[in-house]
Amino acid sequence: MVKKWVEKWLKSRKIKAESEYDEAKREFEMAMGKPSITIKVEIPTGFEDLRVEFLSLEKDERFLEEVKDLVKKRLAPKRPRQS
């Protein structure tokens, strides 16, 4: 149901190009849901022989959890102290 609503919303904005669609979708998701970021990670030099393993990290739940933990560690010191 939500997907159809989003598609209708996008069509009402007369979005045609895929890049425009992606930008509008991101804008919508940022406004309605949890903010997210997309980063590009290149395979490290010297690890080219592990291309398949590297590409599989994108869907690896354990790896994604490790990345989430890294984000928390990075953001924690910036959090204002609660009194």
Protein backbone atom coordinates (compact mmCIF):
# COMPACT_ATOMS: atom_id res chain seq x y z
CA MET A 1 0.00 0.00 0.00
CA VAL A 2 2.75 2.43 0.93
CA LYS A 3 4.67 1.60 -2.25
CA LYS A 4 1.67 2.52 -4.41
CA TRP A 5 1.21 5.74 -2.46
CA VAL A 6 4.87 6.65 -2.99
CA GLU A 7 4.63 5.85 -6.70
CA LYS A 8 1.51 8.02 -6.98
CA TRP A 9 3.28 10.85 -5.12
CA LEU A 10 6.29 10.58 -7.43
CA LYS A 11 4.09 10.59 -10.53
CA SER A 12 2.27 13.67 -9.24
CA ARG A 13 5.65 15.42 -9.18
CA LYS A 14 6.13 14.36 -12.83
CA ILE A 15 9.43 12.66 -12.15
CA LYS A 16 10.71 10.91 -15.23
CA ALA A 17 14.46 10.42 -15.09
CA GLU A 18 15.80 7.67 -12.87
CA SER A 19 18.17 10.09 -11.13
CA GLU A 20 15.24 12.40 -10.37
CA TYR A 21 13.30 9.41 -9.05
CA ASP A 22 16.19 8.36 -6.81
CA GLU A 23 16.55 11.89 -5.44
CA ALA A 24 12.81 12.24 -4.81
CA LYS A 25 12.70 8.81 -3.16
CA ARG A 26 15.62 9.73 -0.89
CA GLU A 27 13.97 13.06 -0.03
CA PHE A 28 10.73 11.27 0.82
CA GLU A 29 12.46 8.62 2.94
CA MET A 30 14.44 11.26 4.84
CA ALA A 31 11.24 13.15 5.61
CA MET A 32 9.09 10.16 6.54
CA GLY A 33 11.47 7.61 7.98
CA LYS A 34 14.79 7.25 9.67
CA PRO A 35 17.61 9.20 8.05
CA SER A 36 20.20 7.09 6.26
CA ILE A 37 23.44 7.62 4.42
CA THR A 38 24.96 5.90 1.43
CA ILE A 39 28.70 5.56 1.19
CA LYS A 40 30.94 4.25 -1.54
CA VAL A 41 33.67 1.90 -0.36
CA GLU A 42 36.30 0.79 -2.84
CA ILE A 43 38.12 -2.47 -2.47
CA PRO A 44 41.39 -1.80 -0.63
CA THR A 45 44.62 -1.96 -2.61
CA GLY A 46 46.10 -5.40 -2.41
CA PHE A 47 42.74 -7.13 -1.89
CA GLU A 48 41.71 -7.30 -5.55
CA ASP A 49 41.96 -11.11 -5.44
CA LEU A 50 39.05 -11.06 -2.94
CA ARG A 51 36.62 -9.25 -5.25
CA VAL A 52 33.77 -11.75 -4.78
CA GLU A 53 34.15 -11.72 -1.00
CA PHE A 54 34.32 -7.90 -0.98
CA LEU A 55 31.15 -7.55 -3.05
CA SER A 56 29.31 -9.98 -0.77
CA LEU A 57 29.88 -7.64 2.20
CA GLU A 58 27.04 -5.42 0.93
CA LYS A 59 24.50 -8.05 2.01
CA ASP A 60 26.46 -9.57 4.92
CA GLU A 61 24.36 -9.03 8.07
CA ARG A 62 27.33 -9.43 10.42
CA PHE A 63 29.32 -6.83 8.47
CA LEU A 64 26.37 -4.43 8.44
CA GLU A 65 26.00 -4.80 12.22
CA GLU A 66 29.71 -4.02 12.62
CA VAL A 67 29.25 -0.88 10.52
CA LYS A 68 26.26 0.16 12.68
CA ASP A 69 28.40 -0.33 15.79
CA LEU A 70 31.14 1.82 14.25
CA VAL A 71 28.60 4.58 13.55
CA LYS A 72 27.38 4.45 17.16
CA LYS A 73 30.95 4.68 18.47
CA ARG A 74 31.62 7.66 16.19
CA LEU A 75 28.42 9.50 17.15
CA ALA A 76 28.40 8.75 20.90
CA PRO A 77 31.00 11.43 21.86
CA LYS A 78 29.00 14.05 19.94
CA ARG A 79 25.79 13.31 21.87
CA PRO A 80 24.97 16.06 24.38
CA ARG A 81 25.08 14.89 27.98
CA GLN A 82 21.68 14.53 29.59
CA SER A 83 21.35 15.95 33.10
